[in-house]
Amino acid sequence: MFKIGLTGGIGTGKSTVSKLFKDYGIPIIDADIISREVLKKYPEILEDIKNTFNDGFFDENGELKRREFGNYIFKFPNERIAYENIIIPYIKKDIEETFKYYEDKGEKAVILDAPTLIENNLHSEMDFNILVYANHDIQIFRVMERDSLNREEVLNRINAQMSIDEKKSLVNFIIDNGGNFENTEEQVEEIVQFIRGI
């Protein structure tokens, strides 16, 4: 079974590209979904967050205030790293288990959709990697529109990730998602044909 990494900076339209691959019948492992699920699955993560960051980021029901906490850790890089050191091992564990599930089902190829694929060195465990690209201004505009964030909040999130241009040299395919939808569809189809031809 081929393990394929799919990544791209915030606001590049990676989710749109991921859905296109899914429409072709290629299973997708969504690291963002896993990162939310592990918070429910492993209560010890929330305990570690409370112990590391205090319980001010939790509401009266004990739920993590995700947006408030997100704004905080993206503003302070050392705090973000501390949070990632808590949660990443659990995310990797669940990703490995999900790959194993699809392998046991006999799937030929599975895509791991992960925004920090390269930052967390997961790309080195893939057979090949795909980067979704869009220029900086498009990224900022899309995230401000989508998440109702101000420019500073968006820039904090973009700057927390390795730059898109740095990532280009570490992948096998680049999908330019700064144009129209049809152009993106064509690029995805070319990669699907490559996968089917392996």
N, C-alpha and C. Protein backbone atom coordinates (compact mmCIF):
# COMPACT_ATOMS: atom_id res chain seq x y z
N MET A 1 0.84 -1.19 0.00
CA MET A 1 0.00 0.00 0.00
C MET A 1 0.88 1.25 0.00
N PHE A 2 0.52 2.21 -0.85
CA PHE A 2 1.27 3.45 -0.94
C PHE A 2 0.72 4.47 0.06
N LYS A 3 1.65 5.04 0.83
CA LYS A 3 1.30 6.11 1.77
C LYS A 3 1.67 7.43 1.09
N ILE A 4 0.68 8.31 0.97
CA ILE A 4 0.89 9.57 0.26
C ILE A 4 0.62 10.72 1.22
N GLY A 5 1.57 11.63 1.33
CA GLY A 5 1.39 12.80 2.18
C GLY A 5 0.81 13.95 1.37
N LEU A 6 -0.17 14.63 1.96
CA LEU A 6 -0.76 15.81 1.33
C LEU A 6 -0.67 16.96 2.33
N THR A 7 0.00 18.04 1.94
CA THR A 7 0.15 19.16 2.87
C THR A 7 0.02 20.47 2.13
N GLY A 8 0.00 21.55 2.91
CA GLY A 8 -0.12 22.89 2.34
C GLY A 8 -0.36 23.85 3.48
N GLY A 9 0.07 25.07 3.33
CA GLY A 9 -0.13 26.06 4.39
C GLY A 9 -1.60 26.39 4.58
N ILE A 10 -1.89 27.00 5.70
CA ILE A 10 -3.26 27.42 5.99
C ILE A 10 -3.74 28.36 4.88
N GLY A 11 -4.97 28.13 4.42
CA GLY A 11 -5.54 28.99 3.38
C GLY A 11 -5.12 28.66 1.96
N THR A 12 -4.39 27.57 1.78
CA THR A 12 -3.99 27.20 0.41
C THR A 12 -5.09 26.41 -0.31
N GLY A 13 -6.08 25.96 0.44
CA GLY A 13 -7.16 25.18 -0.17
C GLY A 13 -6.90 23.69 -0.16
N LYS A 14 -6.13 23.25 0.83
CA LYS A 14 -5.79 21.83 0.93
C LYS A 14 -7.03 20.96 1.10
N SER A 15 -8.00 21.46 1.86
CA SER A 15 -9.23 20.67 2.09
C SER A 15 -9.99 20.43 0.78
N THR A 16 -9.99 21.44 -0.09
CA THR A 16 -10.64 21.29 -1.40
C THR A 16 -9.95 20.21 -2.21
N VAL A 17 -8.62 20.23 -2.21
CA VAL A 17 -7.84 19.23 -2.96
C VAL A 17 -8.05 17.85 -2.36
N SER A 18 -8.06 17.78 -1.03
CA SER A 18 -8.28 16.51 -0.35
C SER A 18 -9.62 15.89 -0.75
N LYS A 19 -10.65 16.72 -0.82
CA LYS A 19 -11.98 16.23 -1.22
C LYS A 19 -11.97 15.71 -2.65
N LEU A 20 -11.22 16.37 -3.53
CA LEU A 20 -11.13 15.91 -4.92
C LEU A 20 -10.51 14.52 -4.99
N PHE A 21 -9.45 14.29 -4.22
CA PHE A 21 -8.84 12.96 -4.18
C PHE A 21 -9.83 11.93 -3.62
N LYS A 22 -10.58 12.33 -2.61
CA LYS A 22 -11.56 11.44 -2.01
C LYS A 22 -12.64 11.07 -3.02
N ASP A 23 -13.03 12.05 -3.85
CA ASP A 23 -14.03 11.79 -4.89
C ASP A 23 -13.57 10.75 -5.90
N TYR A 24 -12.25 10.61 -6.03
CA TYR A 24 -11.69 9.57 -6.92
C TYR A 24 -11.59 8.22 -6.21
N GLY A 25 -12.05 8.16 -4.97
CA GLY A 25 -12.08 6.89 -4.25
C GLY A 25 -10.82 6.58 -3.46
N ILE A 26 -9.96 7.57 -3.29
CA ILE A 26 -8.74 7.36 -2.51
C ILE A 26 -9.04 7.73 -1.05
N PRO A 27 -8.86 6.78 -0.12
CA PRO A 27 -9.14 7.08 1.29
C PRO A 27 -8.24 8.20 1.81
N ILE A 28 -8.82 9.04 2.66
CA ILE A 28 -8.10 10.17 3.24
C ILE A 28 -8.04 10.00 4.76
N ILE A 29 -6.84 10.14 5.32
CA ILE A 29 -6.68 10.24 6.76
C ILE A 29 -6.48 11.72 7.06
N ASP A 30 -7.42 12.32 7.76
CA ASP A 30 -7.38 13.76 8.04
C ASP A 30 -6.75 14.01 9.41
N ALA A 31 -5.53 14.54 9.43
CA ALA A 31 -4.82 14.75 10.69
C ALA A 31 -5.52 15.77 11.57
N ASP A 32 -6.22 16.74 10.97
CA ASP A 32 -6.96 17.73 11.76
C ASP A 32 -8.09 17.07 12.54
N ILE A 33 -8.80 16.15 11.88
CA ILE A 33 -9.88 15.43 12.56
C ILE A 33 -9.30 14.58 13.69
N ILE A 34 -8.19 13.88 13.40
CA ILE A 34 -7.55 13.05 14.41
C ILE A 34 -7.11 13.91 15.60
N SER A 35 -6.59 15.12 15.32
CA SER A 35 -6.11 15.98 16.41
C SER A 35 -7.25 16.40 17.33
N ARG A 36 -8.48 16.49 16.78
CA ARG A 36 -9.64 16.80 17.62
C ARG A 36 -10.12 15.55 18.36
N GLU A 37 -10.08 14.42 17.66
CA GLU A 37 -10.58 13.18 18.25
C GLU A 37 -9.71 12.71 19.42
N VAL A 38 -8.39 12.91 19.31
CA VAL A 38 -7.53 12.42 20.39
C VAL A 38 -7.80 13.16 21.71
N LEU A 39 -8.28 14.41 21.60
CA LEU A 39 -8.61 15.16 22.82
C LEU A 39 -9.74 14.49 23.60
N LYS A 40 -10.66 13.86 22.87
CA LYS A 40 -11.77 13.14 23.51
C LYS A 40 -11.35 11.73 23.90
N LYS A 41 -10.52 11.13 23.06
CA LYS A 41 -10.12 9.73 23.23
C LYS A 41 -9.14 9.53 24.38
N TYR A 42 -8.27 10.52 24.57
CA TYR A 42 -7.23 10.40 25.60
C TYR A 42 -7.36 11.58 26.58
N PRO A 43 -8.13 11.40 27.66
CA PRO A 43 -8.35 12.50 28.61
C PRO A 43 -7.05 13.03 29.22
N GLU A 44 -6.02 12.20 29.22
CA GLU A 44 -4.74 12.64 29.81
C GLU A 44 -4.13 13.82 29.05
N ILE A 45 -4.51 13.99 27.77
CA ILE A 45 -3.99 15.14 27.01
C ILE A 45 -4.51 16.44 27.63
N LEU A 46 -5.81 16.49 27.93
CA LEU A 46 -6.39 17.70 28.53
C LEU A 46 -5.78 17.97 29.91
N GLU A 47 -5.49 16.90 30.64
CA GLU A 47 -4.85 17.07 31.95
C GLU A 47 -3.46 17.67 31.78
N ASP A 48 -2.73 17.18 30.78
CA ASP A 48 -1.39 17.73 30.50
C ASP A 48 -1.47 19.20 30.10
N ILE A 49 -2.51 19.55 29.30
CA ILE A 49 -2.69 20.94 28.88
C ILE A 49 -2.97 21.81 30.11
N LYS A 50 -3.84 21.34 31.00
CA LYS A 50 -4.15 22.09 32.22
C LYS A 50 -2.90 22.30 33.07
N ASN A 51 -2.12 21.23 33.21
CA ASN A 51 -0.92 21.30 34.04
C ASN A 51 0.16 22.20 33.44
N THR A 52 0.19 22.24 32.10
CA THR A 52 1.23 23.02 31.42
C THR A 52 0.83 24.48 31.25
N PHE A 53 -0.45 24.72 30.92
CA PHE A 53 -0.89 26.08 30.56
C PHE A 53 -1.86 26.70 31.56
N ASN A 54 -2.22 26.02 32.61
CA ASN A 54 -3.24 26.36 33.61
C ASN A 54 -4.64 26.12 33.03
N ASP A 55 -5.63 26.17 33.90
CA ASP A 55 -6.99 25.80 33.44
C ASP A 55 -7.80 26.99 32.94
N GLY A 56 -7.15 28.12 32.69
CA GLY A 56 -7.84 29.29 32.18
C GLY A 56 -8.35 29.13 30.76
N PHE A 57 -7.86 28.12 30.07
CA PHE A 57 -8.29 27.88 28.69
C PHE A 57 -9.43 26.86 28.61
N PHE A 58 -10.07 26.60 29.76
CA PHE A 58 -11.17 25.65 29.79
C PHE A 58 -12.44 26.34 30.28
N ASP A 59 -13.58 25.94 29.70
CA ASP A 59 -14.85 26.54 30.14
C ASP A 59 -15.37 25.82 31.38
N GLU A 60 -16.56 26.23 31.82
CA GLU A 60 -17.11 25.67 33.06
C GLU A 60 -17.44 24.19 32.95
N ASN A 61 -17.56 23.70 31.70
CA ASN A 61 -17.84 22.27 31.49
C ASN A 61 -16.57 21.44 31.30
N GLY A 62 -15.43 22.12 31.44
CA GLY A 62 -14.17 21.40 31.28
C GLY A 62 -13.73 21.24 29.83
N GLU A 63 -14.45 21.93 28.92
CA GLU A 63 -14.10 21.86 27.49
C GLU A 63 -13.01 22.88 27.18
N LEU A 64 -12.08 22.47 26.33
CA LEU A 64 -11.01 23.37 25.92
C LEU A 64 -11.59 24.48 25.04
N LYS A 65 -11.26 25.74 25.36
CA LYS A 65 -11.68 26.88 24.52
C LYS A 65 -10.71 26.93 23.34
N ARG A 66 -11.06 26.23 22.28
CA ARG A 66 -10.12 25.98 21.18
C ARG A 66 -9.63 27.26 20.51
N ARG A 67 -10.54 28.17 20.24
CA ARG A 67 -10.12 29.38 19.53
C ARG A 67 -9.20 30.25 20.39
N GLU A 68 -9.60 30.42 21.65
CA GLU A 68 -8.79 31.22 22.58
C GLU A 68 -7.41 30.60 22.78
N PHE A 69 -7.41 29.29 22.95
CA PHE A 69 -6.14 28.57 23.15
C PHE A 69 -5.29 28.63 21.88
N GLY A 70 -5.96 28.48 20.72
CA GLY A 70 -5.27 28.56 19.43
C GLY A 70 -4.60 29.91 19.23
N ASN A 71 -5.33 30.99 19.52
CA ASN A 71 -4.76 32.34 19.39
C ASN A 71 -3.52 32.50 20.28
N TYR A 72 -3.59 31.91 21.47
CA TYR A 72 -2.48 32.01 22.42
C TYR A 72 -1.24 31.26 21.92
N ILE A 73 -1.40 30.00 21.55
CA ILE A 73 -0.21 29.22 21.18
C ILE A 73 0.39 29.66 19.84
N PHE A 74 -0.45 30.21 18.96
CA PHE A 74 0.11 30.70 17.70
C PHE A 74 0.81 32.05 17.86
N LYS A 75 0.52 32.73 18.96
CA LYS A 75 1.18 34.01 19.23
C LYS A 75 2.56 33.80 19.87
N PHE A 76 2.67 32.70 20.62
CA PHE A 76 3.92 32.42 21.34
C PHE A 76 4.49 31.07 20.88
N PRO A 77 5.50 31.10 20.01
CA PRO A 77 6.04 29.85 19.42
C PRO A 77 6.46 28.80 20.45
N ASN A 78 7.06 29.22 21.55
CA ASN A 78 7.50 28.22 22.55
C ASN A 78 6.33 27.50 23.19
N GLU A 79 5.22 28.22 23.34
CA GLU A 79 4.02 27.61 23.90
C GLU A 79 3.40 26.62 22.91
N ARG A 80 3.45 27.00 21.62
CA ARG A 80 2.94 26.08 20.59
C ARG A 80 3.76 24.80 20.57
N ILE A 81 5.06 24.93 20.68
CA ILE A 81 5.94 23.75 20.69
C ILE A 81 5.62 22.87 21.91
N ALA A 82 5.39 23.52 23.06
CA ALA A 82 5.05 22.76 24.28
C ALA A 82 3.75 21.98 24.08
N TYR A 83 2.77 22.63 23.43
CA TYR A 83 1.49 21.95 23.16
C TYR A 83 1.69 20.79 22.18
N GLU A 84 2.48 21.03 21.13
CA GLU A 84 2.72 19.97 20.14
C GLU A 84 3.43 18.78 20.77
N ASN A 85 4.35 19.06 21.71
CA ASN A 85 5.05 17.96 22.38
C ASN A 85 4.09 17.08 23.18
N ILE A 86 2.99 17.68 23.62
CA ILE A 86 1.98 16.92 24.36
C ILE A 86 1.14 16.07 23.39
N ILE A 87 0.64 16.71 22.32
CA ILE A 87 -0.39 16.06 21.51
C ILE A 87 0.13 15.24 20.33
N ILE A 88 1.28 15.63 19.75
CA ILE A 88 1.76 14.97 18.52
C ILE A 88 1.95 13.46 18.68
N PRO A 89 2.52 12.97 19.79
CA PRO A 89 2.68 11.50 19.91
C PRO A 89 1.36 10.74 19.80
N TYR A 90 0.29 11.31 20.34
CA TYR A 90 -1.03 10.67 20.26
C TYR A 90 -1.56 10.70 18.82
N ILE A 91 -1.35 11.82 18.15
CA ILE A 91 -1.80 11.95 16.76
C ILE A 91 -1.07 10.94 15.87
N LYS A 92 0.24 10.85 16.04
CA LYS A 92 1.03 9.89 15.24
C LYS A 92 0.58 8.46 15.47
N LYS A 93 0.29 8.14 16.73
CA LYS A 93 -0.17 6.79 17.08
C LYS A 93 -1.47 6.45 16.33
N ASP A 94 -2.42 7.39 16.34
CA ASP A 94 -3.70 7.14 15.68
C ASP A 94 -3.56 7.11 14.16
N ILE A 95 -2.65 7.92 13.62
CA ILE A 95 -2.40 7.89 12.17
C ILE A 95 -1.86 6.52 11.76
N GLU A 96 -0.90 6.02 12.52
CA GLU A 96 -0.33 4.70 12.22
C GLU A 96 -1.41 3.62 12.26
N GLU A 97 -2.28 3.69 13.27
CA GLU A 97 -3.35 2.69 13.40
C GLU A 97 -4.32 2.77 12.22
N THR A 98 -4.59 3.99 11.74
CA THR A 98 -5.52 4.16 10.62
C THR A 98 -4.91 3.66 9.33
N PHE A 99 -3.63 3.92 9.11
CA PHE A 99 -2.94 3.35 7.94
C PHE A 99 -3.03 1.83 7.97
N LYS A 100 -2.81 1.25 9.14
CA LYS A 100 -2.85 -0.22 9.29
C LYS A 100 -4.25 -0.74 8.95
N TYR A 101 -5.28 -0.01 9.38
CA TYR A 101 -6.67 -0.39 9.09
C TYR A 101 -6.90 -0.47 7.59
N TYR A 102 -6.45 0.57 6.84
CA TYR A 102 -6.64 0.58 5.39
C TYR A 102 -5.79 -0.47 4.69
N GLU A 103 -4.60 -0.71 5.22
CA GLU A 103 -3.75 -1.75 4.63
C GLU A 103 -4.40 -3.12 4.77
N ASP A 104 -4.98 -3.38 5.94
CA ASP A 104 -5.67 -4.65 6.18
C ASP A 104 -6.89 -4.81 5.28
N LYS A 105 -7.49 -3.66 4.89
CA LYS A 105 -8.65 -3.69 3.98
C LYS A 105 -8.23 -3.94 2.53
N GLY A 106 -6.93 -3.83 2.26
CA GLY A 106 -6.43 -4.08 0.91
C GLY A 106 -6.41 -2.86 0.01
N GLU A 107 -6.42 -1.66 0.59
CA GLU A 107 -6.35 -0.44 -0.22
C GLU A 107 -4.99 -0.34 -0.92
N LYS A 108 -5.01 0.19 -2.13
CA LYS A 108 -3.76 0.34 -2.88
C LYS A 108 -2.99 1.59 -2.46
N ALA A 109 -3.72 2.66 -2.16
CA ALA A 109 -3.09 3.93 -1.79
C ALA A 109 -3.98 4.67 -0.80
N VAL A 110 -3.36 5.35 0.15
CA VAL A 110 -4.08 6.14 1.15
C VAL A 110 -3.34 7.46 1.32
N ILE A 111 -4.12 8.55 1.42
CA ILE A 111 -3.53 9.88 1.57
C ILE A 111 -3.66 10.35 3.02
N LEU A 112 -2.54 10.83 3.55
CA LEU A 112 -2.54 11.49 4.85
C LEU A 112 -2.57 12.99 4.61
N ASP A 113 -3.68 13.62 4.96
CA ASP A 113 -3.88 15.07 4.81
C ASP A 113 -3.46 15.72 6.13
N ALA A 114 -2.29 16.40 6.12
CA ALA A 114 -1.74 16.95 7.37
C ALA A 114 -1.08 18.30 7.12
N PRO A 115 -1.58 19.37 7.75
CA PRO A 115 -1.00 20.70 7.53
C PRO A 115 0.46 20.80 7.96
N THR A 116 0.83 20.05 9.02
CA THR A 116 2.22 20.11 9.49
C THR A 116 2.94 18.78 9.20
N LEU A 117 2.64 18.22 8.06
CA LEU A 117 3.26 16.95 7.63
C LEU A 117 4.78 17.04 7.67
N ILE A 118 5.32 18.11 7.10
CA ILE A 118 6.77 18.27 6.99
C ILE A 118 7.36 18.71 8.33
N GLU A 119 6.70 19.67 9.00
CA GLU A 119 7.21 20.15 10.29
C GLU A 119 7.39 19.01 11.29
N ASN A 120 6.52 18.01 11.22
CA ASN A 120 6.59 16.88 12.15
C ASN A 120 7.28 15.65 11.56
N ASN A 121 7.95 15.88 10.42
CA ASN A 121 8.76 14.85 9.76
C ASN A 121 7.96 13.62 9.31
N LEU A 122 6.65 13.77 9.19
CA LEU A 122 5.83 12.65 8.71
C LEU A 122 6.05 12.40 7.22
N HIS A 123 6.48 13.44 6.50
CA HIS A 123 6.71 13.28 5.05
C HIS A 123 7.76 12.22 4.76
N SER A 124 8.71 12.03 5.69
CA SER A 124 9.78 11.05 5.47
C SER A 124 9.27 9.61 5.56
N GLU A 125 8.07 9.45 6.14
CA GLU A 125 7.48 8.12 6.26
C GLU A 125 6.54 7.79 5.10
N MET A 126 6.33 8.76 4.21
CA MET A 126 5.43 8.57 3.06
C MET A 126 6.22 8.07 1.84
N ASP A 127 5.50 7.44 0.92
CA ASP A 127 6.14 7.00 -0.33
C ASP A 127 6.35 8.18 -1.26
N PHE A 128 5.42 9.12 -1.27
CA PHE A 128 5.65 10.40 -1.93
C PHE A 128 4.70 11.44 -1.34
N ASN A 129 5.00 12.73 -1.64
CA ASN A 129 4.29 13.83 -0.99
C ASN A 129 3.81 14.86 -2.00
N ILE A 130 2.66 15.46 -1.66
CA ILE A 130 2.02 16.46 -2.52
C ILE A 130 1.86 17.75 -1.71
N LEU A 131 2.20 18.87 -2.32
CA LEU A 131 2.04 20.18 -1.69
C LEU A 131 0.97 20.98 -2.42
N VAL A 132 0.01 21.52 -1.67
CA VAL A 132 -0.97 22.43 -2.25
C VAL A 132 -0.45 23.85 -2.03
N TYR A 133 -0.35 24.60 -3.12
CA TYR A 133 0.29 25.91 -3.08
C TYR A 133 -0.69 27.03 -3.45
N ALA A 134 -0.56 28.15 -2.74
CA ALA A 134 -1.25 29.39 -3.12
C ALA A 134 -0.38 30.52 -2.60
N ASN A 135 -0.39 31.65 -3.27
CA ASN A 135 0.50 32.72 -2.82
C ASN A 135 0.02 33.33 -1.50
N HIS A 136 0.93 34.08 -0.88
CA HIS A 136 0.74 34.61 0.47
C HIS A 136 -0.54 35.44 0.60
N ASP A 137 -0.79 36.31 -0.35
CA ASP A 137 -1.97 37.19 -0.27
C ASP A 137 -3.27 36.40 -0.32
N ILE A 138 -3.28 35.37 -1.17
CA ILE A 138 -4.47 34.51 -1.26
C ILE A 138 -4.69 33.79 0.06
N GLN A 139 -3.60 33.27 0.65
CA GLN A 139 -3.70 32.60 1.95
C GLN A 139 -4.36 33.52 2.99
N ILE A 140 -3.84 34.72 3.11
CA ILE A 140 -4.33 35.66 4.12
C ILE A 140 -5.82 35.96 3.90
N PHE A 141 -6.18 36.27 2.66
CA PHE A 141 -7.58 36.60 2.34
C PHE A 141 -8.50 35.44 2.68
N ARG A 142 -8.13 34.21 2.27
CA ARG A 142 -8.99 33.05 2.49
C ARG A 142 -9.21 32.78 3.97
N VAL A 143 -8.15 32.87 4.77
CA VAL A 143 -8.29 32.54 6.19
C VAL A 143 -9.07 33.62 6.93
N MET A 144 -8.85 34.89 6.57
CA MET A 144 -9.63 35.96 7.18
C MET A 144 -11.12 35.77 6.90
N GLU A 145 -11.44 35.40 5.67
CA GLU A 145 -12.85 35.18 5.28
C GLU A 145 -13.43 33.95 5.97
N ARG A 146 -12.66 32.86 5.95
CA ARG A 146 -13.16 31.57 6.43
C ARG A 146 -13.33 31.53 7.94
N ASP A 147 -12.33 32.05 8.66
CA ASP A 147 -12.31 31.88 10.12
C ASP A 147 -12.66 33.15 10.89
N SER A 148 -13.03 34.22 10.18
CA SER A 148 -13.35 35.50 10.82
C SER A 148 -12.24 35.97 11.76
N LEU A 149 -11.00 35.83 11.28
CA LEU A 149 -9.85 36.27 12.05
C LEU A 149 -9.33 37.59 11.49
N ASN A 150 -8.63 38.36 12.32
CA ASN A 150 -8.03 39.57 11.79
C ASN A 150 -6.67 39.23 11.15
N ARG A 151 -6.09 40.20 10.49
CA ARG A 151 -4.86 39.95 9.74
C ARG A 151 -3.72 39.44 10.64
N GLU A 152 -3.60 40.03 11.83
CA GLU A 152 -2.53 39.62 12.74
C GLU A 152 -2.70 38.16 13.17
N GLU A 153 -3.93 37.77 13.49
CA GLU A 153 -4.20 36.38 13.90
C GLU A 153 -3.87 35.41 12.77
N VAL A 154 -4.21 35.80 11.54
CA VAL A 154 -3.91 34.96 10.38
C VAL A 154 -2.41 34.84 10.19
N LEU A 155 -1.70 35.97 10.26
CA LEU A 155 -0.25 35.95 10.06
C LEU A 155 0.44 35.11 11.13
N ASN A 156 -0.05 35.15 12.36
CA ASN A 156 0.52 34.31 13.42
C ASN A 156 0.41 32.84 13.06
N ARG A 157 -0.72 32.46 12.47
CA ARG A 157 -0.92 31.06 12.09
C ARG A 157 -0.05 30.69 10.89
N ILE A 158 0.03 31.57 9.91
CA ILE A 158 0.86 31.29 8.73
C ILE A 158 2.33 31.19 9.14
N ASN A 159 2.77 32.12 9.98
CA ASN A 159 4.18 32.15 10.38
C ASN A 159 4.58 31.00 11.30
N ALA A 160 3.57 30.34 11.90
CA ALA A 160 3.85 29.19 12.76
C ALA A 160 4.23 27.97 11.94
N GLN A 161 3.88 27.99 10.65
CA GLN A 161 4.20 26.87 9.77
C GLN A 161 5.44 27.20 8.95
N MET A 162 6.14 26.15 8.52
CA MET A 162 7.24 26.34 7.59
C MET A 162 6.69 27.02 6.35
N SER A 163 7.49 27.90 5.73
CA SER A 163 6.99 28.62 4.57
C SER A 163 6.71 27.66 3.42
N ILE A 164 5.69 28.02 2.63
CA ILE A 164 5.31 27.20 1.48
C ILE A 164 6.50 27.02 0.54
N ASP A 165 7.28 28.08 0.34
CA ASP A 165 8.40 28.00 -0.59
C ASP A 165 9.46 27.01 -0.09
N GLU A 166 9.68 26.94 1.22
CA GLU A 166 10.62 25.97 1.77
C GLU A 166 10.13 24.54 1.52
N LYS A 167 8.82 24.36 1.61
CA LYS A 167 8.26 23.01 1.46
C LYS A 167 8.38 22.47 0.04
N LYS A 168 8.45 23.38 -0.92
CA LYS A 168 8.47 22.97 -2.33
C LYS A 168 9.57 21.96 -2.64
N SER A 169 10.73 22.14 -2.01
CA SER A 169 11.86 21.27 -2.32
C SER A 169 11.77 19.91 -1.64
N LEU A 170 10.76 19.72 -0.79
CA LEU A 170 10.66 18.48 -0.01
C LEU A 170 9.51 17.58 -0.47
N VAL A 171 8.87 17.95 -1.58
CA VAL A 171 7.73 17.17 -2.07
C VAL A 171 7.96 16.70 -3.50
N ASN A 172 7.10 15.79 -3.93
CA ASN A 172 7.21 15.22 -5.28
C ASN A 172 6.27 15.89 -6.27
N PHE A 173 5.15 16.41 -5.78
CA PHE A 173 4.17 17.07 -6.64
C PHE A 173 3.73 18.38 -6.00
N ILE A 174 3.49 19.39 -6.83
CA ILE A 174 2.96 20.66 -6.35
C ILE A 174 1.68 20.97 -7.11
N ILE A 175 0.60 21.22 -6.37
CA ILE A 175 -0.67 21.61 -6.98
C ILE A 175 -0.85 23.10 -6.73
N ASP A 176 -0.89 23.89 -7.80
CA ASP A 176 -1.12 25.33 -7.67
C ASP A 176 -2.61 25.56 -7.56
N ASN A 177 -3.04 25.95 -6.36
CA ASN A 177 -4.47 26.15 -6.11
C ASN A 177 -4.82 27.64 -6.00
N GLY A 178 -4.06 28.46 -6.73
CA GLY A 178 -4.33 29.89 -6.70
C GLY A 178 -5.19 30.36 -7.85
N GLY A 179 -5.51 29.43 -8.76
CA GLY A 179 -6.30 29.80 -9.93
C GLY A 179 -7.74 29.33 -9.80
N ASN A 180 -8.33 28.96 -10.93
CA ASN A 180 -9.73 28.51 -10.88
C ASN A 180 -9.84 27.04 -10.52
N PHE A 181 -11.05 26.63 -10.17
CA PHE A 181 -11.29 25.28 -9.68
C PHE A 181 -10.97 24.23 -10.74
N GLU A 182 -11.30 24.54 -11.99
CA GLU A 182 -11.07 23.58 -13.09
C GLU A 182 -9.58 23.28 -13.23
N ASN A 183 -8.76 24.30 -13.05
CA ASN A 183 -7.31 24.11 -13.14
C ASN A 183 -6.81 23.19 -12.03
N THR A 184 -7.36 23.37 -10.84
CA THR A 184 -6.99 22.50 -9.71
C THR A 184 -7.44 21.07 -9.98
N GLU A 185 -8.65 20.92 -10.49
CA GLU A 185 -9.17 19.58 -10.83
C GLU A 185 -8.25 18.85 -11.80
N GLU A 186 -7.77 19.57 -12.80
CA GLU A 186 -6.89 18.97 -13.80
C GLU A 186 -5.60 18.46 -13.18
N GLN A 187 -5.04 19.26 -12.26
CA GLN A 187 -3.79 18.87 -11.61
C GLN A 187 -3.99 17.64 -10.72
N VAL A 188 -5.12 17.59 -10.03
CA VAL A 188 -5.43 16.43 -9.19
C VAL A 188 -5.59 15.18 -10.05
N GLU A 189 -6.29 15.33 -11.17
CA GLU A 189 -6.52 14.19 -12.06
C GLU A 189 -5.20 13.61 -12.57
N GLU A 190 -4.24 14.47 -12.90
CA GLU A 190 -2.93 13.99 -13.36
C GLU A 190 -2.25 13.13 -12.30
N ILE A 191 -2.34 13.56 -11.04
CA ILE A 191 -1.71 12.79 -9.96
C ILE A 191 -2.45 11.48 -9.73
N VAL A 192 -3.79 11.52 -9.83
CA VAL A 192 -4.59 10.29 -9.68
C VAL A 192 -4.18 9.28 -10.76
N GLN A 193 -4.01 9.74 -11.97
CA GLN A 193 -3.58 8.84 -13.07
C GLN A 193 -2.22 8.26 -12.76
N PHE A 194 -1.33 9.07 -12.19
CA PHE A 194 0.00 8.57 -11.80
C PHE A 194 -0.14 7.47 -10.74
N ILE A 195 -0.98 7.71 -9.73
CA ILE A 195 -1.17 6.73 -8.66
C ILE A 195 -1.73 5.43 -9.22
N ARG A 196 -2.70 5.54 -10.10
CA ARG A 196 -3.32 4.34 -10.69
C ARG A 196 -2.36 3.57 -11.57
N GLY A 197 -1.36 4.29 -12.09
CA GLY A 197 -0.41 3.65 -12.99
C GLY A 197 0.77 2.99 -12.28
N ILE A 198 0.85 3.20 -10.95
CA ILE A 198 1.99 2.63 -10.20
C ILE A 198 1.87 1.11 -10.15
